[in-house]
Amino acid sequence: MTNEKAIEALKQIKTYTAATLLDEIDYAVKVLEKLKKDGVKDPLNTDFTKVAN
């Protein structure tokens, strides 16, 4: 699974989800887009303890 695939899937899910969950899906998309922009290709296997604030 890549960030791009996950982002696209979340955007498609957003079309069919309840209106009460749109903010949460938007947040998840923004997080994945930020990780992608910052070069994190495999967030589930990345050690974020070494990342500076």
C-alpha atoms as a PDB file:
ATOM      1  CA  MET A   1       0.000   0.000   0.000  1.00  0.00           C
ATOM      2  CA  THR A   2       1.294   3.426  -0.867  1.00  0.00           C
ATOM      3  CA  ASN A   3       0.334   6.817   0.496  1.00  0.00           C
ATOM      4  CA  GLU A   4      -1.098   7.669  -2.920  1.00  0.00           C
ATOM      5  CA  LYS A   5      -3.396   4.631  -2.931  1.00  0.00           C
ATOM      6  CA  ALA A   6      -4.560   5.311   0.615  1.00  0.00           C
ATOM      7  CA  ILE A   7      -5.259   8.961  -0.175  1.00  0.00           C
ATOM      8  CA  GLU A   8      -7.250   8.033  -3.269  1.00  0.00           C
ATOM      9  CA  ALA A   9      -9.230   5.388  -1.361  1.00  0.00           C
ATOM     10  CA  LEU A  10     -10.098   7.845   1.406  1.00  0.00           C
ATOM     11  CA  LYS A  11     -11.259  10.406  -1.146  1.00  0.00           C
ATOM     12  CA  GLN A  12     -13.525   7.786  -2.727  1.00  0.00           C
ATOM     13  CA  ILE A  13     -14.845   6.680   0.669  1.00  0.00           C
ATOM     14  CA  LYS A  14     -15.596  10.314   1.477  1.00  0.00           C
ATOM     15  CA  THR A  15     -18.215  10.286  -1.281  1.00  0.00           C
ATOM     16  CA  TYR A  16     -20.211   7.574   0.483  1.00  0.00           C
ATOM     17  CA  THR A  17     -19.658   8.335   4.156  1.00  0.00           C
ATOM     18  CA  ALA A  18     -21.944  10.028   6.645  1.00  0.00           C
ATOM     19  CA  ALA A  19     -21.675  13.796   6.808  1.00  0.00           C
ATOM     20  CA  THR A  20     -20.660  13.547  10.460  1.00  0.00           C
ATOM     21  CA  LEU A  21     -17.400  11.834   9.464  1.00  0.00           C
ATOM     22  CA  LEU A  22     -16.235  14.169   6.697  1.00  0.00           C
ATOM     23  CA  ASP A  23     -13.908  16.162   8.967  1.00  0.00           C
ATOM     24  CA  GLU A  24     -12.197  12.964  10.150  1.00  0.00           C
ATOM     25  CA  ILE A  25     -11.654  11.720   6.603  1.00  0.00           C
ATOM     26  CA  ASP A  26     -10.333  15.135   5.521  1.00  0.00           C
ATOM     27  CA  TYR A  27      -7.913  15.044   8.464  1.00  0.00           C
ATOM     28  CA  ALA A  28      -6.642  11.583   7.531  1.00  0.00           C
ATOM     29  CA  VAL A  29      -6.124  12.684   3.927  1.00  0.00           C
ATOM     30  CA  LYS A  30      -4.192  15.775   5.068  1.00  0.00           C
ATOM     31  CA  VAL A  31      -1.970  13.653   7.328  1.00  0.00           C
ATOM     32  CA  LEU A  32      -1.142  11.224   4.521  1.00  0.00           C
ATOM     33  CA  GLU A  33      -0.522  14.077   2.069  1.00  0.00           C
ATOM     34  CA  LYS A  34       1.863  15.710   4.572  1.00  0.00           C
ATOM     35  CA  LEU A  35       3.724  12.441   5.107  1.00  0.00           C
ATOM     36  CA  LYS A  36       3.995  12.017   1.343  1.00  0.00           C
ATOM     37  CA  LYS A  37       5.248  15.610   0.948  1.00  0.00           C
ATOM     38  CA  ASP A  38       7.829  15.038   3.686  1.00  0.00           C
ATOM     39  CA  GLY A  39       9.118  11.913   1.949  1.00  0.00           C
ATOM     40  CA  VAL A  40       7.700   9.306   4.326  1.00  0.00           C
ATOM     41  CA  LYS A  41       6.930   6.422   1.992  1.00  0.00           C
ATOM     42  CA  ASP A  42       6.062   3.755   4.554  1.00  0.00           C
ATOM     43  CA  PRO A  43       4.525   5.446   7.617  1.00  0.00           C
ATOM     44  CA  LEU A  44       3.573   2.184   9.320  1.00  0.00           C
ATOM     45  CA  ASN A  45       7.220   1.113   9.433  1.00  0.00           C
ATOM     46  CA  THR A  46       8.811   4.505  10.110  1.00  0.00           C
ATOM     47  CA  ASP A  47      10.468   5.281  13.437  1.00  0.00           C
ATOM     48  CA  PHE A  48       9.009   8.682  14.310  1.00  0.00           C
ATOM     49  CA  THR A  49      10.765   8.791  17.680  1.00  0.00           C
ATOM     50  CA  LYS A  50      13.820  10.211  15.928  1.00  0.00           C
ATOM     51  CA  VAL A  51      11.908  13.005  14.198  1.00  0.00           C
ATOM     52  CA  ALA A  52      12.405  16.478  15.670  1.00  0.00           C
ATOM     53  CA  ASN A  53       9.351  18.539  16.569  1.00  0.00           C
END
